[in-house]
């Protein structure tokens, strides 16, 4: 009887090992590769946290299914909080584009930014089959102490180079970098 109890415990232990689910795979936004623009000399730039749609703020990576539905994968997740990571990626790309002093929200109280940038994203989603990532929304450039705000919309279709979640994550970074380059161009060409 004792041997059969030990055998039963070993069998249950082996069975429980088979029932474990694999750990999710986590993705970072790749470091943007941005071309430098003309030098910006307008003072410190402050960037508010990017406002993302609910599915893009989720820890699970969202993708667009063939039927147009949004799929959130429990097996593929962002390694960082998506709004924070997107904001940091945007700041890094804007810094590479302008070589300006930039702070992200929440910025220190000792910093008095000359310009504030607000970005509201409407859509940020792509498929896993190598199609494209749709990235749309609005941004606002606010010069401190001026009523000369600039507001514009953006709409990009970023090609997804490859298939799967790693390629989708790279397209997210490319989309954010493309927006940063557009805004850098507005800042360096118009002084706003």
C-alpha atoms as a PDB file:
ATOM      1  CA  UNK A   1       0.000   0.000   0.000  1.00  0.00           C
ATOM      2  CA  UNK A   2       2.806   2.409   0.858  1.00  0.00           C
ATOM      3  CA  UNK A   3       4.490   1.935  -2.538  1.00  0.00           C
ATOM      4  CA  UNK A   4       1.294   2.638  -4.378  1.00  0.00           C
ATOM      5  CA  UNK A   5       0.799   5.928  -2.455  1.00  0.00           C
ATOM      6  CA  UNK A   6       4.331   7.016  -3.382  1.00  0.00           C
ATOM      7  CA  UNK A   7       3.663   5.998  -6.972  1.00  0.00           C
ATOM      8  CA  UNK A   8       0.394   7.942  -6.964  1.00  0.00           C
ATOM      9  CA  UNK A   9       2.125  11.063  -5.613  1.00  0.00           C
ATOM     10  CA  UNK A  10       4.838  10.798  -8.285  1.00  0.00           C
ATOM     11  CA  UNK A  11       2.199  10.330 -10.982  1.00  0.00           C
ATOM     12  CA  UNK A  12       0.226  13.380  -9.738  1.00  0.00           C
ATOM     13  CA  UNK A  13       3.409  15.470  -9.637  1.00  0.00           C
ATOM     14  CA  UNK A  14       4.233  14.472 -13.211  1.00  0.00           C
ATOM     15  CA  UNK A  15       0.684  15.210 -14.303  1.00  0.00           C
ATOM     16  CA  UNK A  16       0.705  18.657 -12.697  1.00  0.00           C
ATOM     17  CA  UNK A  17       3.933  19.440 -14.568  1.00  0.00           C
ATOM     18  CA  UNK A  18       2.148  18.717 -17.835  1.00  0.00           C
ATOM     19  CA  UNK A  19      -0.717  21.028 -16.955  1.00  0.00           C
ATOM     20  CA  UNK A  20       1.362  24.173 -16.474  1.00  0.00           C
ATOM     21  CA  UNK A  21       0.854  26.910 -18.996  1.00  0.00           C
ATOM     22  CA  UNK A  22       3.843  28.512 -20.675  1.00  0.00           C
ATOM     23  CA  UNK A  23       4.978  31.896 -19.439  1.00  0.00           C
ATOM     24  CA  UNK A  24       4.003  34.870 -21.611  1.00  0.00           C
ATOM     25  CA  UNK A  25       6.578  36.421 -23.913  1.00  0.00           C
ATOM     26  CA  UNK A  26       7.330  40.071 -23.131  1.00  0.00           C
ATOM     27  CA  UNK A  27       8.240  42.755 -25.681  1.00  0.00           C
ATOM     28  CA  UNK A  28      10.037  46.078 -25.356  1.00  0.00           C
ATOM     29  CA  UNK A  29       9.532  48.854 -27.859  1.00  0.00           C
ATOM     30  CA  UNK A  30      12.722  48.823 -29.933  1.00  0.00           C
ATOM     31  CA  UNK A  31      14.966  51.879 -29.751  1.00  0.00           C
ATOM     32  CA  UNK A  32      13.974  54.276 -32.527  1.00  0.00           C
ATOM     33  CA  UNK A  33      16.328  54.955 -35.400  1.00  0.00           C
ATOM     34  CA  UNK A  34      15.712  58.589 -36.251  1.00  0.00           C
ATOM     35  CA  UNK A  35      17.486  60.961 -38.602  1.00  0.00           C
ATOM     36  CA  UNK A  36      18.588  64.258 -37.080  1.00  0.00           C
ATOM     37  CA  UNK A  37      16.724  67.357 -38.279  1.00  0.00           C
ATOM     38  CA  UNK A  38      17.825  70.942 -38.137  1.00  0.00           C
ATOM     39  CA  UNK A  39      18.814  72.014 -34.640  1.00  0.00           C
ATOM     40  CA  UNK A  40      16.018  73.275 -32.431  1.00  0.00           C
ATOM     41  CA  UNK A  41      16.862  76.314 -30.287  1.00  0.00           C
ATOM     42  CA  UNK A  42      13.504  77.112 -28.715  1.00  0.00           C
ATOM     43  CA  UNK A  43      14.158  75.998 -25.117  1.00  0.00           C
ATOM     44  CA  UNK A  44      13.104  72.973 -23.099  1.00  0.00           C
ATOM     45  CA  UNK A  45      10.353  70.785 -24.544  1.00  0.00           C
ATOM     46  CA  UNK A  46       7.931  69.051 -22.186  1.00  0.00           C
ATOM     47  CA  UNK A  47       6.039  65.997 -23.399  1.00  0.00           C
ATOM     48  CA  UNK A  48       2.828  64.863 -21.747  1.00  0.00           C
ATOM     49  CA  UNK A  49       2.221  61.142 -21.512  1.00  0.00           C
ATOM     50  CA  UNK A  50       0.793  59.887 -24.797  1.00  0.00           C
ATOM     51  CA  UNK A  51      -2.950  59.307 -24.505  1.00  0.00           C
ATOM     52  CA  UNK A  52      -3.555  55.836 -25.940  1.00  0.00           C
ATOM     53  CA  UNK A  53      -6.826  54.034 -26.675  1.00  0.00           C
ATOM     54  CA  UNK A  54      -7.857  51.405 -24.116  1.00  0.00           C
ATOM     55  CA  UNK A  55      -6.684  48.379 -26.145  1.00  0.00           C
ATOM     56  CA  UNK A  56      -3.269  50.022 -26.696  1.00  0.00           C
ATOM     57  CA  UNK A  57      -2.916  50.699 -22.944  1.00  0.00           C
ATOM     58  CA  UNK A  58      -3.493  47.023 -22.105  1.00  0.00           C
ATOM     59  CA  UNK A  59      -0.538  44.924 -20.970  1.00  0.00           C
ATOM     60  CA  UNK A  60      -1.460  42.321 -23.606  1.00  0.00           C
ATOM     61  CA  UNK A  61      -0.273  43.119 -27.124  1.00  0.00           C
ATOM     62  CA  UNK A  62      -3.265  44.032 -29.295  1.00  0.00           C
ATOM     63  CA  UNK A  63      -3.527  42.947 -32.909  1.00  0.00           C
ATOM     64  CA  UNK A  64      -6.156  43.319 -35.576  1.00  0.00           C
ATOM     65  CA  UNK A  65      -7.852  40.109 -36.708  1.00  0.00           C
ATOM     66  CA  UNK A  66      -8.929  39.471 -40.295  1.00  0.00           C
ATOM     67  CA  UNK A  67     -12.559  40.235 -39.440  1.00  0.00           C
ATOM     68  CA  UNK A  68     -11.611  43.640 -37.987  1.00  0.00           C
ATOM     69  CA  UNK A  69     -11.871  42.604 -34.340  1.00  0.00           C
ATOM     70  CA  UNK A  70      -9.162  43.419 -31.819  1.00  0.00           C
ATOM     71  CA  UNK A  71      -7.346  40.488 -30.213  1.00  0.00           C
ATOM     72  CA  UNK A  72      -5.470  40.909 -26.912  1.00  0.00           C
ATOM     73  CA  UNK A  73      -2.941  38.109 -26.443  1.00  0.00           C
ATOM     74  CA  UNK A  74      -2.377  36.717 -22.962  1.00  0.00           C
ATOM     75  CA  UNK A  75       0.726  34.966 -24.333  1.00  0.00           C
ATOM     76  CA  UNK A  76       2.344  38.138 -25.740  1.00  0.00           C
ATOM     77  CA  UNK A  77       2.627  41.146 -23.449  1.00  0.00           C
ATOM     78  CA  UNK A  78       4.395  44.472 -23.235  1.00  0.00           C
ATOM     79  CA  UNK A  79       7.370  44.464 -20.864  1.00  0.00           C
ATOM     80  CA  UNK A  80       6.549  47.992 -19.674  1.00  0.00           C
ATOM     81  CA  UNK A  81       3.354  49.954 -19.161  1.00  0.00           C
ATOM     82  CA  UNK A  82       2.389  50.854 -22.769  1.00  0.00           C
ATOM     83  CA  UNK A  83       1.650  54.587 -22.317  1.00  0.00           C
ATOM     84  CA  UNK A  84       4.891  55.102 -20.380  1.00  0.00           C
ATOM     85  CA  UNK A  85       6.951  53.087 -22.889  1.00  0.00           C
ATOM     86  CA  UNK A  86       5.348  54.895 -25.846  1.00  0.00           C
ATOM     87  CA  UNK A  87       6.059  58.268 -24.251  1.00  0.00           C
ATOM     88  CA  UNK A  88       9.688  57.350 -23.541  1.00  0.00           C
ATOM     89  CA  UNK A  89      10.118  56.117 -27.124  1.00  0.00           C
ATOM     90  CA  UNK A  90       8.590  59.361 -28.430  1.00  0.00           C
ATOM     91  CA  UNK A  91      10.903  61.457 -26.212  1.00  0.00           C
ATOM     92  CA  UNK A  92      13.977  59.496 -27.369  1.00  0.00           C
ATOM     93  CA  UNK A  93      13.027  59.952 -31.040  1.00  0.00           C
ATOM     94  CA  UNK A  94      12.258  63.659 -30.560  1.00  0.00           C
ATOM     95  CA  UNK A  95      15.592  64.118 -28.752  1.00  0.00           C
ATOM     96  CA  UNK A  96      17.447  62.437 -31.643  1.00  0.00           C
ATOM     97  CA  UNK A  97      15.585  64.625 -34.135  1.00  0.00           C
ATOM     98  CA  UNK A  98      16.060  67.980 -32.393  1.00  0.00           C
ATOM     99  CA  UNK A  99      18.928  67.599 -29.926  1.00  0.00           C
ATOM    100  CA  UNK A 100      16.766  69.717 -27.595  1.00  0.00           C
ATOM    101  CA  UNK A 101      16.464  69.432 -23.829  1.00  0.00           C
ATOM    102  CA  UNK A 102      13.317  67.345 -23.311  1.00  0.00           C
ATOM    103  CA  UNK A 103      11.435  66.266 -20.198  1.00  0.00           C
ATOM    104  CA  UNK A 104       8.545  63.839 -19.974  1.00  0.00           C
ATOM    105  CA  UNK A 105       5.567  64.040 -17.680  1.00  0.00           C
ATOM    106  CA  UNK A 106       5.820  64.313 -14.747  1.00  0.00           C
ATOM    107  CA  UNK A 107       8.609  66.843 -15.198  1.00  0.00           C
ATOM    108  CA  UNK A 108      10.390  68.407 -12.216  1.00  0.00           C
ATOM    109  CA  UNK A 109       8.870  71.563 -10.740  1.00  0.00           C
ATOM    110  CA  UNK A 110      12.205  73.314 -11.310  1.00  0.00           C
ATOM    111  CA  UNK A 111      11.761  72.953 -15.097  1.00  0.00           C
ATOM    112  CA  UNK A 112       9.925  75.701 -16.966  1.00  0.00           C
ATOM    113  CA  UNK A 113       9.314  74.286 -20.435  1.00  0.00           C
ATOM    114  CA  UNK A 114       9.208  76.666 -23.373  1.00  0.00           C
ATOM    115  CA  UNK A 115       7.059  74.237 -25.368  1.00  0.00           C
ATOM    116  CA  UNK A 116       4.633  71.491 -24.359  1.00  0.00           C
ATOM    117  CA  UNK A 117       3.583  68.673 -26.667  1.00  0.00           C
ATOM    118  CA  UNK A 118       0.339  66.738 -26.178  1.00  0.00           C
ATOM    119  CA  UNK A 119      -0.414  63.650 -28.270  1.00  0.00           C
ATOM    120  CA  UNK A 120      -3.785  61.871 -28.350  1.00  0.00           C
ATOM    121  CA  UNK A 121      -3.736  58.601 -30.272  1.00  0.00           C
ATOM    122  CA  UNK A 122      -6.996  57.422 -31.844  1.00  0.00           C
ATOM    123  CA  UNK A 123      -5.762  54.179 -33.406  1.00  0.00           C
ATOM    124  CA  UNK A 124      -2.551  52.219 -32.917  1.00  0.00           C
ATOM    125  CA  UNK A 125      -3.054  48.708 -34.193  1.00  0.00           C
ATOM    126  CA  UNK A 126      -1.787  46.330 -36.845  1.00  0.00           C
ATOM    127  CA  UNK A 127      -2.049  42.722 -37.884  1.00  0.00           C
ATOM    128  CA  UNK A 128       0.356  39.830 -37.419  1.00  0.00           C
ATOM    129  CA  UNK A 129       0.570  38.824 -41.082  1.00  0.00           C
ATOM    130  CA  UNK A 130       3.020  41.458 -42.271  1.00  0.00           C
ATOM    131  CA  UNK A 131       0.479  44.060 -43.313  1.00  0.00           C
ATOM    132  CA  UNK A 132       0.609  47.503 -41.754  1.00  0.00           C
ATOM    133  CA  UNK A 133       0.090  49.305 -38.464  1.00  0.00           C
ATOM    134  CA  UNK A 134      -2.508  52.073 -38.444  1.00  0.00           C
ATOM    135  CA  UNK A 135      -1.418  55.027 -36.304  1.00  0.00           C
ATOM    136  CA  UNK A 136      -3.768  58.030 -36.178  1.00  0.00           C
ATOM    137  CA  UNK A 137      -4.569  60.861 -33.797  1.00  0.00           C
ATOM    138  CA  UNK A 138      -3.887  64.506 -33.037  1.00  0.00           C
ATOM    139  CA  UNK A 139      -1.064  66.464 -31.498  1.00  0.00           C
ATOM    140  CA  UNK A 140      -0.815  69.943 -30.068  1.00  0.00           C
ATOM    141  CA  UNK A 141       2.274  72.102 -29.702  1.00  0.00           C
ATOM    142  CA  UNK A 142       1.790  74.732 -26.996  1.00  0.00           C
ATOM    143  CA  UNK A 143       4.290  77.537 -26.556  1.00  0.00           C
ATOM    144  CA  UNK A 144       4.347  78.684 -22.919  1.00  0.00           C
ATOM    145  CA  UNK A 145       3.056  82.212 -22.443  1.00  0.00           C
ATOM    146  CA  UNK A 146       1.594  82.396 -25.942  1.00  0.00           C
ATOM    147  CA  UNK A 147      -1.793  81.793 -27.457  1.00  0.00           C
ATOM    148  CA  UNK A 148      -0.096  80.542 -30.620  1.00  0.00           C
ATOM    149  CA  UNK A 149      -0.915  76.830 -30.218  1.00  0.00           C
ATOM    150  CA  UNK A 150      -0.458  74.569 -33.199  1.00  0.00           C
ATOM    151  CA  UNK A 151      -2.758  71.627 -33.544  1.00  0.00           C
ATOM    152  CA  UNK A 152      -2.706  69.020 -36.255  1.00  0.00           C
ATOM    153  CA  UNK A 153      -3.759  65.465 -36.939  1.00  0.00           C
ATOM    154  CA  UNK A 154      -1.632  62.569 -38.102  1.00  0.00           C
ATOM    155  CA  UNK A 155      -2.445  59.390 -39.976  1.00  0.00           C
ATOM    156  CA  UNK A 156       0.216  56.846 -40.882  1.00  0.00           C
ATOM    157  CA  UNK A 157       0.182  53.342 -42.254  1.00  0.00           C
ATOM    158  CA  UNK A 158       3.477  51.878 -41.122  1.00  0.00           C
ATOM    159  CA  UNK A 159       4.569  48.720 -42.990  1.00  0.00           C
ATOM    160  CA  UNK A 160       5.144  45.745 -40.706  1.00  0.00           C
ATOM    161  CA  UNK A 161       8.431  44.201 -41.774  1.00  0.00           C
ATOM    162  CA  UNK A 162       7.788  40.512 -41.203  1.00  0.00           C
ATOM    163  CA  UNK A 163       5.129  38.593 -39.339  1.00  0.00           C
ATOM    164  CA  UNK A 164       4.382  38.007 -35.672  1.00  0.00           C
ATOM    165  CA  UNK A 165       4.577  39.999 -32.484  1.00  0.00           C
ATOM    166  CA  UNK A 166       8.238  41.042 -32.685  1.00  0.00           C
ATOM    167  CA  UNK A 167       7.599  42.678 -36.068  1.00  0.00           C
ATOM    168  CA  UNK A 168       4.428  44.310 -34.716  1.00  0.00           C
ATOM    169  CA  UNK A 169       6.393  45.769 -31.774  1.00  0.00           C
ATOM    170  CA  UNK A 170       8.984  47.193 -34.206  1.00  0.00           C
ATOM    171  CA  UNK A 171       6.157  48.805 -36.219  1.00  0.00           C
ATOM    172  CA  UNK A 172       4.860  50.455 -33.028  1.00  0.00           C
ATOM    173  CA  UNK A 173       8.290  51.992 -32.460  1.00  0.00           C
ATOM    174  CA  UNK A 174       8.546  53.075 -36.121  1.00  0.00           C
ATOM    175  CA  UNK A 175       5.129  54.747 -35.908  1.00  0.00           C
ATOM    176  CA  UNK A 176       6.068  56.702 -32.791  1.00  0.00           C
ATOM    177  CA  UNK A 177       9.386  57.709 -34.374  1.00  0.00           C
ATOM    178  CA  UNK A 178       7.617  58.878 -37.549  1.00  0.00           C
ATOM    179  CA  UNK A 179       5.365  61.129 -35.476  1.00  0.00           C
ATOM    180  CA  UNK A 180       8.356  62.469 -33.517  1.00  0.00           C
ATOM    181  CA  UNK A 181      10.117  63.321 -36.795  1.00  0.00           C
ATOM    182  CA  UNK A 182       7.024  65.152 -38.075  1.00  0.00           C
ATOM    183  CA  UNK A 183       6.731  67.189 -34.887  1.00  0.00           C
ATOM    184  CA  UNK A 184      10.487  67.879 -34.863  1.00  0.00           C
ATOM    185  CA  UNK A 185      10.170  69.217 -38.370  1.00  0.00           C
ATOM    186  CA  UNK A 186       7.342  71.526 -37.257  1.00  0.00           C
ATOM    187  CA  UNK A 187       9.451  72.724 -34.319  1.00  0.00           C
ATOM    188  CA  UNK A 188      12.633  73.371 -36.286  1.00  0.00           C
ATOM    189  CA  UNK A 189      11.021  74.851 -39.400  1.00  0.00           C
ATOM    190  CA  UNK A 190       8.615  77.228 -37.708  1.00  0.00           C
ATOM    191  CA  UNK A 191      10.139  77.846 -34.302  1.00  0.00           C
ATOM    192  CA  UNK A 192       6.970  76.568 -32.635  1.00  0.00           C
END
